[in-house]
Amino acid sequence: MTLLAWCVAWLLDFIIGDPQTWPHPVRWMGHLINAVQRVVRRYCHSEQALRIGGGVMWLVVVGMTWIVAWGVLALAGMIHPWLGWAVEVWMIFTVLAGRCLAKAAQEVERPLRAGSLDESREKLSWIVGRDTSQLQPEQINRAVVETVAENTVDGIIAPLFFLMLGGAPLAMAYKAVNTLDSMVGYKHEKYRAIGMVSARLDDVANYIPARLSWLLLSAAAFLCRKEGFRALHVGWRDRYNHSSPNCAWAEASVAGALGIRLGGPNDYFGERVEKPWIGDAQRTISVDDISQTIRLMWVASTLALALFIAVRWLMVGLA
């Protein structure tokens, strides 16, 4: 039943994603983070105090998420086993973001293909932190490919990994970790202190999934008839060409698979940030690389689901 719930949830994400009008736990997590953050800032003013307060915020948000998820799942199961199963499917469905990621990328891709550069820049600004107002088509393509590659890890592979380890409650707790990082895990002055713990523990949580993404995306490249061996090579060679210890694994694998170059300098919050290049520019990146990256994402996520189901089945069998 549990493994069936995983497959049903993955199929729901693949088919319908997260409709805007449906209730979603990430929104509730966001409200909780904002509420706790206000309390922390009210009583913590020095940088050291904000760091400690940020750690407490992390414990409260992640701890409450796990407790509530476990409690709701247990209560639903007590009412009726099928209700418990349905709640489990819903929880897993909400932590997966494959369809939303693909849709967001396609929202940028469509106007870019139609020649509407301003609309494409605007849609891109919804999913990246860099300044998009002056980006040219090649830079937009690069930004979208990087976003899809990077978020394949924390939007699909990592939730499935924690699902394997601890079921739906732990997958929900991981989503809280990831949401904390996306809301407060920045290096600029406002969040540097209060978000330090959230940023670093998000790196810890994604450490193994990011490295698995190198293998999964390389395997996906073989299955999609892309450059699988080059994905393995570039993924390993350029794995540290990023300020994050995790992001370059997936980005470099995709760059190698497609024969393109990612990374490089970008503008964030009005400041020029120099980043190393990832991959080799064997050809100029094009708008078609967006759809190719989405395809790699879906194949890699399918492989991740199959891998983690197999591992969980073995774990249960050996227990």
C-alpha atoms as a PDB file:
ATOM      1  CA  MET A   1       0.000   0.000   0.000  1.00  0.00           C
ATOM      2  CA  THR A   2       2.768   2.439   0.931  1.00  0.00           C
ATOM      3  CA  LEU A   3       4.744   1.880  -2.265  1.00  0.00           C
ATOM      4  CA  LEU A   4       1.533   2.144  -4.282  1.00  0.00           C
ATOM      5  CA  ALA A   5       0.897   5.504  -2.603  1.00  0.00           C
ATOM      6  CA  TRP A   6       4.309   6.701  -3.819  1.00  0.00           C
ATOM      7  CA  CYS A   7       3.492   5.781  -7.417  1.00  0.00           C
ATOM      8  CA  VAL A   8       0.011   7.309  -7.329  1.00  0.00           C
ATOM      9  CA  ALA A   9       1.372  10.549  -5.840  1.00  0.00           C
ATOM     10  CA  TRP A  10       4.128  10.729  -8.464  1.00  0.00           C
ATOM     11  CA  LEU A  11       1.583  10.180 -11.258  1.00  0.00           C
ATOM     12  CA  LEU A  12      -0.677  12.894  -9.831  1.00  0.00           C
ATOM     13  CA  ASP A  13       2.236  15.321  -9.832  1.00  0.00           C
ATOM     14  CA  PHE A  14       3.147  14.326 -13.382  1.00  0.00           C
ATOM     15  CA  ILE A  15      -0.417  14.775 -14.641  1.00  0.00           C
ATOM     16  CA  ILE A  16      -1.836  17.748 -12.742  1.00  0.00           C
ATOM     17  CA  GLY A  17       0.886  19.278 -10.567  1.00  0.00           C
ATOM     18  CA  ASP A  18      -0.342  21.655  -7.847  1.00  0.00           C
ATOM     19  CA  PRO A  19      -3.426  23.632  -8.929  1.00  0.00           C
ATOM     20  CA  GLN A  20      -3.327  27.173  -7.558  1.00  0.00           C
ATOM     21  CA  THR A  21      -6.736  26.896  -5.870  1.00  0.00           C
ATOM     22  CA  TRP A  22      -5.903  23.717  -3.934  1.00  0.00           C
ATOM     23  CA  PRO A  23      -4.668  23.921  -0.335  1.00  0.00           C
ATOM     24  CA  HIS A  24      -0.927  23.379  -0.142  1.00  0.00           C
ATOM     25  CA  PRO A  25       1.273  22.728   2.913  1.00  0.00           C
ATOM     26  CA  VAL A  26       4.064  24.978   1.591  1.00  0.00           C
ATOM     27  CA  ARG A  27       1.771  27.989   1.986  1.00  0.00           C
ATOM     28  CA  TRP A  28       1.097  26.987   5.588  1.00  0.00           C
ATOM     29  CA  MET A  29       4.824  26.520   6.144  1.00  0.00           C
ATOM     30  CA  GLY A  30       5.404  29.984   4.723  1.00  0.00           C
ATOM     31  CA  HIS A  31       2.877  31.521   7.135  1.00  0.00           C
ATOM     32  CA  LEU A  32       4.514  29.701  10.055  1.00  0.00           C
ATOM     33  CA  ILE A  33       7.996  30.834   8.990  1.00  0.00           C
ATOM     34  CA  ASN A  34       6.860  34.460   8.751  1.00  0.00           C
ATOM     35  CA  ALA A  35       5.169  34.292  12.152  1.00  0.00           C
ATOM     36  CA  VAL A  36       8.180  32.750  13.894  1.00  0.00           C
ATOM     37  CA  GLN A  37      10.543  35.120  12.083  1.00  0.00           C
ATOM     38  CA  ARG A  38       8.629  38.136  13.398  1.00  0.00           C
ATOM     39  CA  VAL A  39       8.949  36.841  16.959  1.00  0.00           C
ATOM     40  CA  VAL A  40      12.677  36.179  16.518  1.00  0.00           C
ATOM     41  CA  ARG A  41      13.326  39.660  15.120  1.00  0.00           C
ATOM     42  CA  ARG A  42      11.334  41.251  17.938  1.00  0.00           C
ATOM     43  CA  TYR A  43      13.615  39.792  20.613  1.00  0.00           C
ATOM     44  CA  CYS A  44      16.896  39.227  18.748  1.00  0.00           C
ATOM     45  CA  HIS A  45      18.815  42.262  17.497  1.00  0.00           C
ATOM     46  CA  SER A  46      22.529  41.476  17.403  1.00  0.00           C
ATOM     47  CA  GLU A  47      23.969  39.261  14.670  1.00  0.00           C
ATOM     48  CA  GLN A  48      24.801  36.496  17.143  1.00  0.00           C
ATOM     49  CA  ALA A  49      21.304  36.611  18.645  1.00  0.00           C
ATOM     50  CA  LEU A  50      19.748  36.452  15.185  1.00  0.00           C
ATOM     51  CA  ARG A  51      21.817  33.380  14.370  1.00  0.00           C
ATOM     52  CA  ILE A  52      20.612  31.656  17.517  1.00  0.00           C
ATOM     53  CA  GLY A  53      17.058  32.797  16.865  1.00  0.00           C
ATOM     54  CA  GLY A  54      17.324  31.511  13.313  1.00  0.00           C
ATOM     55  CA  GLY A  55      18.354  28.112  14.686  1.00  0.00           C
ATOM     56  CA  VAL A  56      15.372  28.088  17.022  1.00  0.00           C
ATOM     57  CA  MET A  57      13.135  29.072  14.102  1.00  0.00           C
ATOM     58  CA  TRP A  58      14.474  26.124  12.095  1.00  0.00           C
ATOM     59  CA  LEU A  59      13.773  23.690  14.948  1.00  0.00           C
ATOM     60  CA  VAL A  60      10.255  25.037  15.483  1.00  0.00           C
ATOM     61  CA  VAL A  61       9.245  24.995  11.807  1.00  0.00           C
ATOM     62  CA  VAL A  62      10.796  21.650  10.873  1.00  0.00           C
ATOM     63  CA  GLY A  63       9.781  20.006  14.156  1.00  0.00           C
ATOM     64  CA  MET A  64       6.186  21.204  13.980  1.00  0.00           C
ATOM     65  CA  THR A  65       5.920  20.140  10.344  1.00  0.00           C
ATOM     66  CA  TRP A  66       7.024  16.589  11.142  1.00  0.00           C
ATOM     67  CA  ILE A  67       4.805  16.329  14.241  1.00  0.00           C
ATOM     68  CA  VAL A  68       1.703  17.641  12.472  1.00  0.00           C
ATOM     69  CA  ALA A  69       2.282  15.445   9.424  1.00  0.00           C
ATOM     70  CA  TRP A  70       2.808  12.345  11.578  1.00  0.00           C
ATOM     71  CA  GLY A  71      -0.213  13.163  13.732  1.00  0.00           C
ATOM     72  CA  VAL A  72      -2.577  13.810  10.812  1.00  0.00           C
ATOM     73  CA  LEU A  73      -1.430  10.638   9.070  1.00  0.00           C
ATOM     74  CA  ALA A  74      -1.837   8.546  12.234  1.00  0.00           C
ATOM     75  CA  LEU A  75      -5.285  10.001  12.985  1.00  0.00           C
ATOM     76  CA  ALA A  76      -6.487   9.425   9.434  1.00  0.00           C
ATOM     77  CA  GLY A  77      -5.279   5.815   9.599  1.00  0.00           C
ATOM     78  CA  MET A  78      -7.135   5.284  12.872  1.00  0.00           C
ATOM     79  CA  ILE A  79     -10.372   6.575  11.327  1.00  0.00           C
ATOM     80  CA  HIS A  80     -10.030   4.266   8.329  1.00  0.00           C
ATOM     81  CA  PRO A  81      -7.041   2.628   6.583  1.00  0.00           C
ATOM     82  CA  TRP A  82      -8.131   3.963   3.187  1.00  0.00           C
ATOM     83  CA  LEU A  83      -8.384   7.483   4.575  1.00  0.00           C
ATOM     84  CA  GLY A  84      -4.865   7.123   5.937  1.00  0.00           C
ATOM     85  CA  TRP A  85      -3.706   5.947   2.516  1.00  0.00           C
ATOM     86  CA  ALA A  86      -5.407   8.884   0.783  1.00  0.00           C
ATOM     87  CA  VAL A  87      -3.812  11.366   3.195  1.00  0.00           C
ATOM     88  CA  GLU A  88      -0.418   9.759   2.584  1.00  0.00           C
ATOM     89  CA  VAL A  89      -0.894  10.118  -1.180  1.00  0.00           C
ATOM     90  CA  TRP A  90      -1.869  13.778  -0.739  1.00  0.00           C
ATOM     91  CA  MET A  91       1.163  14.537   1.425  1.00  0.00           C
ATOM     92  CA  ILE A  92       3.587  12.940  -1.018  1.00  0.00           C
ATOM     93  CA  PHE A  93       1.867  14.630  -3.953  1.00  0.00           C
ATOM     94  CA  THR A  94       2.325  18.053  -2.334  1.00  0.00           C
ATOM     95  CA  VAL A  95       6.064  17.639  -1.723  1.00  0.00           C
ATOM     96  CA  LEU A  96       6.780  16.823  -5.381  1.00  0.00           C
ATOM     97  CA  ALA A  97       7.224  19.764  -7.740  1.00  0.00           C
ATOM     98  CA  GLY A  98       8.001  18.261 -11.128  1.00  0.00           C
ATOM     99  CA  ARG A  99       4.926  19.505 -12.989  1.00  0.00           C
ATOM    100  CA  CYS A 100       5.155  22.982 -11.438  1.00  0.00           C
ATOM    101  CA  LEU A 101       8.826  23.193 -12.383  1.00  0.00           C
ATOM    102  CA  ALA A 102       8.142  22.087 -15.951  1.00  0.00           C
ATOM    103  CA  LYS A 103       5.211  24.505 -16.276  1.00  0.00           C
ATOM    104  CA  ALA A 104       7.253  27.442 -14.933  1.00  0.00           C
ATOM    105  CA  ALA A 105      10.015  26.705 -17.451  1.00  0.00           C
ATOM    106  CA  GLN A 106       7.511  26.421 -20.302  1.00  0.00           C
ATOM    107  CA  GLU A 107       5.932  29.752 -19.302  1.00  0.00           C
ATOM    108  CA  VAL A 108       9.304  31.357 -20.070  1.00  0.00           C
ATOM    109  CA  GLU A 109       9.922  29.223 -23.150  1.00  0.00           C
ATOM    110  CA  ARG A 110       6.667  30.041 -24.994  1.00  0.00           C
ATOM    111  CA  PRO A 111       7.082  33.843 -25.288  1.00  0.00           C
ATOM    112  CA  LEU A 112      10.764  33.367 -26.019  1.00  0.00           C
ATOM    113  CA  ARG A 113       9.908  31.193 -29.019  1.00  0.00           C
ATOM    114  CA  ALA A 114       7.312  33.759 -30.096  1.00  0.00           C
ATOM    115  CA  GLY A 115       9.870  36.573 -29.945  1.00  0.00           C
ATOM    116  CA  SER A 116       8.297  38.332 -26.951  1.00  0.00           C
ATOM    117  CA  LEU A 117      11.483  39.057 -25.025  1.00  0.00           C
ATOM    118  CA  ASP A 118       9.908  41.342 -22.416  1.00  0.00           C
ATOM    119  CA  GLU A 119       7.268  38.774 -21.468  1.00  0.00           C
ATOM    120  CA  SER A 120       9.884  36.049 -21.289  1.00  0.00           C
ATOM    121  CA  ARG A 121      12.032  38.206 -18.987  1.00  0.00           C
ATOM    122  CA  GLU A 122       9.038  38.892 -16.761  1.00  0.00           C
ATOM    123  CA  LYS A 123       8.092  35.203 -16.483  1.00  0.00           C
ATOM    124  CA  LEU A 124      11.718  34.338 -15.741  1.00  0.00           C
ATOM    125  CA  SER A 125      11.818  36.878 -12.890  1.00  0.00           C
ATOM    126  CA  TRP A 126       9.143  34.796 -11.137  1.00  0.00           C
ATOM    127  CA  ILE A 127      11.457  31.783 -10.768  1.00  0.00           C
ATOM    128  CA  VAL A 128      15.010  33.177 -10.429  1.00  0.00           C
ATOM    129  CA  GLY A 129      16.682  35.639  -8.088  1.00  0.00           C
ATOM    130  CA  ARG A 130      18.863  37.344 -10.689  1.00  0.00           C
ATOM    131  CA  ASP A 131      18.048  40.596 -12.472  1.00  0.00           C
ATOM    132  CA  THR A 132      16.247  39.619 -15.696  1.00  0.00           C
ATOM    133  CA  SER A 133      15.460  43.074 -17.121  1.00  0.00           C
ATOM    134  CA  GLN A 134      18.386  43.167 -19.549  1.00  0.00           C
ATOM    135  CA  LEU A 135      18.863  39.473 -20.300  1.00  0.00           C
ATOM    136  CA  GLN A 136      19.231  38.362 -23.895  1.00  0.00           C
ATOM    137  CA  PRO A 137      17.718  35.113 -25.282  1.00  0.00           C
ATOM    138  CA  GLU A 138      20.903  33.092 -24.703  1.00  0.00           C
ATOM    139  CA  GLN A 139      21.064  34.253 -21.081  1.00  0.00           C
ATOM    140  CA  ILE A 140      17.372  33.484 -20.560  1.00  0.00           C
ATOM    141  CA  ASN A 141      17.831  29.983 -21.955  1.00  0.00           C
ATOM    142  CA  ARG A 142      20.768  29.451 -19.634  1.00  0.00           C
ATOM    143  CA  ALA A 143      18.839  30.676 -16.588  1.00  0.00           C
ATOM    144  CA  VAL A 144      15.884  28.371 -17.274  1.00  0.00           C
ATOM    145  CA  VAL A 145      18.073  25.315 -17.883  1.00  0.00           C
ATOM    146  CA  GLU A 146      19.988  26.029 -14.650  1.00  0.00           C
ATOM    147  CA  THR A 147      16.731  26.424 -12.703  1.00  0.00           C
ATOM    148  CA  VAL A 148      15.246  23.163 -13.969  1.00  0.00           C
ATOM    149  CA  ALA A 149      18.489  21.257 -13.368  1.00  0.00           C
ATOM    150  CA  GLU A 150      19.016  22.638  -9.868  1.00  0.00           C
ATOM    151  CA  ASN A 151      15.400  22.179  -8.793  1.00  0.00           C
ATOM    152  CA  THR A 152      15.302  18.610 -10.048  1.00  0.00           C
ATOM    153  CA  VAL A 153      17.194  17.894  -6.832  1.00  0.00           C
ATOM    154  CA  ASP A 154      15.154  19.748  -4.213  1.00  0.00           C
ATOM    155  CA  GLY A 155      11.844  19.512  -6.083  1.00  0.00           C
ATOM    156  CA  ILE A 156      11.844  15.783  -6.842  1.00  0.00           C
ATOM    157  CA  ILE A 157      14.906  13.692  -5.989  1.00  0.00           C
ATOM    158  CA  ALA A 158      15.398  14.925  -2.409  1.00  0.00           C
ATOM    159  CA  PRO A 159      11.710  14.591  -1.379  1.00  0.00           C
ATOM    160  CA  LEU A 160      11.686  11.038  -2.756  1.00  0.00           C
ATOM    161  CA  PHE A 161      14.947  10.302  -0.923  1.00  0.00           C
ATOM    162  CA  PHE A 162      13.527  11.399   2.441  1.00  0.00           C
ATOM    163  CA  LEU A 163      10.269   9.624   1.644  1.00  0.00           C
ATOM    164  CA  MET A 164      12.309   6.438   1.345  1.00  0.00           C
ATOM    165  CA  LEU A 165      14.072   7.089   4.662  1.00  0.00           C
ATOM    166  CA  GLY A 166      11.136   8.135   6.822  1.00  0.00           C
ATOM    167  CA  GLY A 167       7.875   8.098   4.932  1.00  0.00           C
ATOM    168  CA  ALA A 168       5.573  11.037   4.231  1.00  0.00           C
ATOM    169  CA  PRO A 169       6.238  12.892   7.550  1.00  0.00           C
ATOM    170  CA  LEU A 170       9.981  13.049   6.880  1.00  0.00           C
ATOM    171  CA  ALA A 171       9.372  14.120   3.271  1.00  0.00           C
ATOM    172  CA  MET A 172       7.161  16.911   4.631  1.00  0.00           C
ATOM    173  CA  ALA A 173       9.881  17.889   7.111  1.00  0.00           C
ATOM    174  CA  TYR A 174      12.358  18.082   4.227  1.00  0.00           C
ATOM    175  CA  LYS A 175       9.937  20.383   2.402  1.00  0.00           C
ATOM    176  CA  ALA A 176       9.984  22.639   5.464  1.00  0.00           C
ATOM    177  CA  VAL A 177      13.800  22.650   5.377  1.00  0.00           C
ATOM    178  CA  ASN A 178      13.728  23.624   1.711  1.00  0.00           C
ATOM    179  CA  THR A 179      11.053  26.285   2.234  1.00  0.00           C
ATOM    180  CA  LEU A 180      13.066  27.854   5.053  1.00  0.00           C
ATOM    181  CA  ASP A 181      16.087  28.085   2.775  1.00  0.00           C
ATOM    182  CA  SER A 182      14.061  29.626  -0.058  1.00  0.00           C
ATOM    183  CA  MET A 183      12.568  32.253   2.279  1.00  0.00           C
ATOM    184  CA  VAL A 184      15.445  33.222   4.572  1.00  0.00           C
ATOM    185  CA  GLY A 185      18.571  31.435   3.319  1.00  0.00           C
ATOM    186  CA  TYR A 186      20.117  34.453   1.581  1.00  0.00           C
ATOM    187  CA  LYS A 187      23.547  36.013   2.035  1.00  0.00           C
ATOM    188  CA  HIS A 188      22.573  39.665   1.831  1.00  0.00           C
ATOM    189  CA  GLU A 189      22.278  41.760   4.993  1.00  0.00           C
ATOM    190  CA  LYS A 190      18.601  41.234   5.855  1.00  0.00           C
ATOM    191  CA  TYR A 191      18.821  37.433   6.044  1.00  0.00           C
ATOM    192  CA  ARG A 192      22.510  36.626   6.450  1.00  0.00           C
ATOM    193  CA  ALA A 193      22.323  36.078  10.228  1.00  0.00           C
ATOM    194  CA  ILE A 194      18.767  34.820  10.746  1.00  0.00           C
ATOM    195  CA  GLY A 195      18.967  32.520   7.718  1.00  0.00           C
ATOM    196  CA  MET A 196      22.434  31.076   8.311  1.00  0.00           C
ATOM    197  CA  VAL A 197      21.214  27.871   9.992  1.00  0.00           C
ATOM    198  CA  SER A 198      18.465  27.363   7.401  1.00  0.00           C
ATOM    199  CA  ALA A 199      20.904  27.772   4.505  1.00  0.00           C
ATOM    200  CA  ARG A 200      23.527  25.442   5.936  1.00  0.00           C
ATOM    201  CA  LEU A 201      21.107  22.716   6.992  1.00  0.00           C
ATOM    202  CA  ASP A 202      19.479  22.831   3.561  1.00  0.00           C
ATOM    203  CA  ASP A 203      22.954  22.114   2.152  1.00  0.00           C
ATOM    204  CA  VAL A 204      23.254  19.170   4.551  1.00  0.00           C
ATOM    205  CA  ALA A 205      19.815  17.824   3.611  1.00  0.00           C
ATOM    206  CA  ASN A 206      20.581  17.988  -0.114  1.00  0.00           C
ATOM    207  CA  TYR A 207      24.115  16.582   0.138  1.00  0.00           C
ATOM    208  CA  ILE A 208      23.281  12.992  -0.835  1.00  0.00           C
ATOM    209  CA  PRO A 209      20.372  13.782  -3.221  1.00  0.00           C
ATOM    210  CA  ALA A 210      22.559  16.229  -5.176  1.00  0.00           C
ATOM    211  CA  ARG A 211      25.212  13.581  -5.724  1.00  0.00           C
ATOM    212  CA  LEU A 212      22.589  11.038  -6.679  1.00  0.00           C
ATOM    213  CA  SER A 213      21.311  13.547  -9.239  1.00  0.00           C
ATOM    214  CA  TRP A 214      24.674  13.327 -11.024  1.00  0.00           C
ATOM    215  CA  LEU A 215      24.126   9.595 -11.581  1.00  0.00           C
ATOM    216  CA  LEU A 216      20.391   9.832 -12.256  1.00  0.00           C
ATOM    217  CA  LEU A 217      20.666  12.681 -14.775  1.00  0.00           C
ATOM    218  CA  SER A 218      23.576  10.948 -16.497  1.00  0.00           C
ATOM    219  CA  ALA A 219      21.512   7.758 -16.742  1.00  0.00           C
ATOM    220  CA  ALA A 220      18.624   9.870 -18.066  1.00  0.00           C
ATOM    221  CA  ALA A 221      20.979  11.301 -20.694  1.00  0.00           C
ATOM    222  CA  PHE A 222      21.749   7.786 -21.924  1.00  0.00           C
ATOM    223  CA  LEU A 223      18.038   6.926 -22.090  1.00  0.00           C
ATOM    224  CA  CYS A 224      17.248  10.197 -23.907  1.00  0.00           C
ATOM    225  CA  ARG A 225      20.053   9.542 -26.406  1.00  0.00           C
ATOM    226  CA  LYS A 226      22.098  12.481 -25.191  1.00  0.00           C
ATOM    227  CA  GLU A 227      25.752  12.471 -24.175  1.00  0.00           C
ATOM    228  CA  GLY A 228      25.595  10.210 -21.117  1.00  0.00           C
ATOM    229  CA  PHE A 229      29.336   9.666 -20.754  1.00  0.00           C
ATOM    230  CA  ARG A 230      29.992  13.395 -21.100  1.00  0.00           C
ATOM    231  CA  ALA A 231      27.300  14.065 -18.481  1.00  0.00           C
ATOM    232  CA  LEU A 232      29.184  11.809 -16.083  1.00  0.00           C
ATOM    233  CA  HIS A 233      32.523  13.411 -16.944  1.00  0.00           C
ATOM    234  CA  VAL A 234      31.439  17.060 -16.779  1.00  0.00           C
ATOM    235  CA  GLY A 235      29.219  16.394 -13.761  1.00  0.00           C
ATOM    236  CA  TRP A 236      32.243  15.119 -11.844  1.00  0.00           C
ATOM    237  CA  ARG A 237      34.751  17.630 -13.226  1.00  0.00           C
ATOM    238  CA  ASP A 238      32.651  20.751 -12.570  1.00  0.00           C
ATOM    239  CA  ARG A 239      30.856  19.571  -9.427  1.00  0.00           C
ATOM    240  CA  TYR A 240      32.373  22.361  -7.322  1.00  0.00           C
ATOM    241  CA  ASN A 241      31.990  25.228  -9.839  1.00  0.00           C
ATOM    242  CA  HIS A 242      29.308  26.866  -7.723  1.00  0.00           C
ATOM    243  CA  SER A 243      29.098  28.718  -4.415  1.00  0.00           C
ATOM    244  CA  SER A 244      26.677  26.017  -3.221  1.00  0.00           C
ATOM    245  CA  PRO A 245      28.203  22.600  -2.409  1.00  0.00           C
ATOM    246  CA  ASN A 246      25.263  20.918  -4.142  1.00  0.00           C
ATOM    247  CA  CYS A 247      23.949  22.914  -7.104  1.00  0.00           C
ATOM    248  CA  ALA A 248      26.712  22.205  -9.606  1.00  0.00           C
ATOM    249  CA  TRP A 249      26.228  18.428  -9.543  1.00  0.00           C
ATOM    250  CA  ALA A 250      22.909  18.581 -11.421  1.00  0.00           C
ATOM    251  CA  GLU A 251      23.768  21.652 -13.497  1.00  0.00           C
ATOM    252  CA  ALA A 252      27.076  20.192 -14.673  1.00  0.00           C
ATOM    253  CA  SER A 253      25.437  16.867 -15.536  1.00  0.00           C
ATOM    254  CA  VAL A 254      22.832  18.599 -17.697  1.00  0.00           C
ATOM    255  CA  ALA A 255      25.475  20.843 -19.280  1.00  0.00           C
ATOM    256  CA  GLY A 256      27.523  17.784 -20.181  1.00  0.00           C
ATOM    257  CA  ALA A 257      24.516  15.891 -21.515  1.00  0.00           C
ATOM    258  CA  LEU A 258      23.523  18.777 -23.811  1.00  0.00           C
ATOM    259  CA  GLY A 259      27.008  20.010 -24.716  1.00  0.00           C
ATOM    260  CA  ILE A 260      26.356  23.547 -23.440  1.00  0.00           C
ATOM    261  CA  ARG A 261      27.852  25.955 -20.919  1.00  0.00           C
ATOM    262  CA  LEU A 262      25.986  27.171 -17.816  1.00  0.00           C
ATOM    263  CA  GLY A 263      26.896  29.455 -14.912  1.00  0.00           C
ATOM    264  CA  GLY A 264      28.957  32.588 -15.463  1.00  0.00           C
ATOM    265  CA  PRO A 265      28.371  36.140 -14.154  1.00  0.00           C
ATOM    266  CA  ASN A 266      24.901  37.350 -13.133  1.00  0.00           C
ATOM    267  CA  ASP A 267      23.328  40.344 -11.358  1.00  0.00           C
ATOM    268  CA  TYR A 268      21.646  39.791  -7.974  1.00  0.00           C
ATOM    269  CA  PHE A 269      19.966  42.580  -5.982  1.00  0.00           C
ATOM    270  CA  GLY A 270      21.837  45.186  -8.016  1.00  0.00           C
ATOM    271  CA  GLU A 271      25.251  43.561  -7.514  1.00  0.00           C
ATOM    272  CA  ARG A 272      27.390  41.788 -10.113  1.00  0.00           C
ATOM    273  CA  VAL A 273      28.206  38.247  -8.974  1.00  0.00           C
ATOM    274  CA  GLU A 274      31.013  36.457 -10.777  1.00  0.00           C
ATOM    275  CA  LYS A 275      30.442  32.715 -11.040  1.00  0.00           C
ATOM    276  CA  PRO A 276      32.617  30.084 -12.708  1.00  0.00           C
ATOM    277  CA  TRP A 277      31.422  28.496 -15.915  1.00  0.00           C
ATOM    278  CA  ILE A 278      29.971  24.986 -15.855  1.00  0.00           C
ATOM    279  CA  GLY A 279      30.318  22.696 -18.853  1.00  0.00           C
ATOM    280  CA  ASP A 280      31.853  23.214 -22.282  1.00  0.00           C
ATOM    281  CA  ALA A 281      30.383  25.432 -24.983  1.00  0.00           C
ATOM    282  CA  GLN A 282      30.413  22.836 -27.741  1.00  0.00           C
ATOM    283  CA  ARG A 283      27.538  24.767 -29.260  1.00  0.00           C
ATOM    284  CA  THR A 284      25.444  27.828 -28.473  1.00  0.00           C
ATOM    285  CA  ILE A 285      22.642  27.210 -26.019  1.00  0.00           C
ATOM    286  CA  SER A 286      19.173  27.451 -27.618  1.00  0.00           C
ATOM    287  CA  VAL A 287      15.529  27.548 -26.600  1.00  0.00           C
ATOM    288  CA  ASP A 288      15.255  23.843 -27.466  1.00  0.00           C
ATOM    289  CA  ASP A 289      17.536  23.090 -24.519  1.00  0.00           C
ATOM    290  CA  ILE A 290      14.728  24.083 -22.151  1.00  0.00           C
ATOM    291  CA  SER A 291      12.458  21.282 -23.364  1.00  0.00           C
ATOM    292  CA  GLN A 292      15.413  18.880 -23.457  1.00  0.00           C
ATOM    293  CA  THR A 293      16.227  19.679 -19.827  1.00  0.00           C
ATOM    294  CA  ILE A 294      12.598  19.156 -18.806  1.00  0.00           C
ATOM    295  CA  ARG A 295      12.735  15.759 -20.496  1.00  0.00           C
ATOM    296  CA  LEU A 296      15.917  14.866 -18.621  1.00  0.00           C
ATOM    297  CA  MET A 297      14.218  15.961 -15.381  1.00  0.00           C
ATOM    298  CA  TRP A 298      11.231  13.667 -15.911  1.00  0.00           C
ATOM    299  CA  VAL A 299      13.338  10.657 -16.859  1.00  0.00           C
ATOM    300  CA  ALA A 300      15.699  11.216 -13.906  1.00  0.00           C
ATOM    301  CA  SER A 301      12.747  11.559 -11.514  1.00  0.00           C
ATOM    302  CA  THR A 302      11.246   8.309 -12.827  1.00  0.00           C
ATOM    303  CA  LEU A 303      14.575   6.567 -12.245  1.00  0.00           C
ATOM    304  CA  ALA A 304      14.733   8.066  -8.737  1.00  0.00           C
ATOM    305  CA  LEU A 305      11.251   6.774  -7.919  1.00  0.00           C
ATOM    306  CA  ALA A 306      12.152   3.284  -9.156  1.00  0.00           C
ATOM    307  CA  LEU A 307      15.466   3.302  -7.283  1.00  0.00           C
ATOM    308  CA  PHE A 308      13.996   4.419  -3.967  1.00  0.00           C
ATOM    309  CA  ILE A 309      11.075   1.976  -4.222  1.00  0.00           C
ATOM    310  CA  ALA A 310      13.573  -0.840  -4.782  1.00  0.00           C
ATOM    311  CA  VAL A 311      15.713   0.262  -1.831  1.00  0.00           C
ATOM    312  CA  ARG A 312      12.679   0.616   0.453  1.00  0.00           C
ATOM    313  CA  TRP A 313      11.430  -2.828  -0.596  1.00  0.00           C
ATOM    314  CA  LEU A 314      14.835  -4.287   0.278  1.00  0.00           C
ATOM    315  CA  MET A 315      14.902  -2.432   3.611  1.00  0.00           C
ATOM    316  CA  VAL A 316      11.485  -3.842   4.528  1.00  0.00           C
ATOM    317  CA  GLY A 317      12.493  -7.309   3.393  1.00  0.00           C
ATOM    318  CA  LEU A 318      15.658  -7.287   5.513  1.00  0.00           C
ATOM    319  CA  ALA A 319      13.928  -5.871   8.606  1.00  0.00           C
END
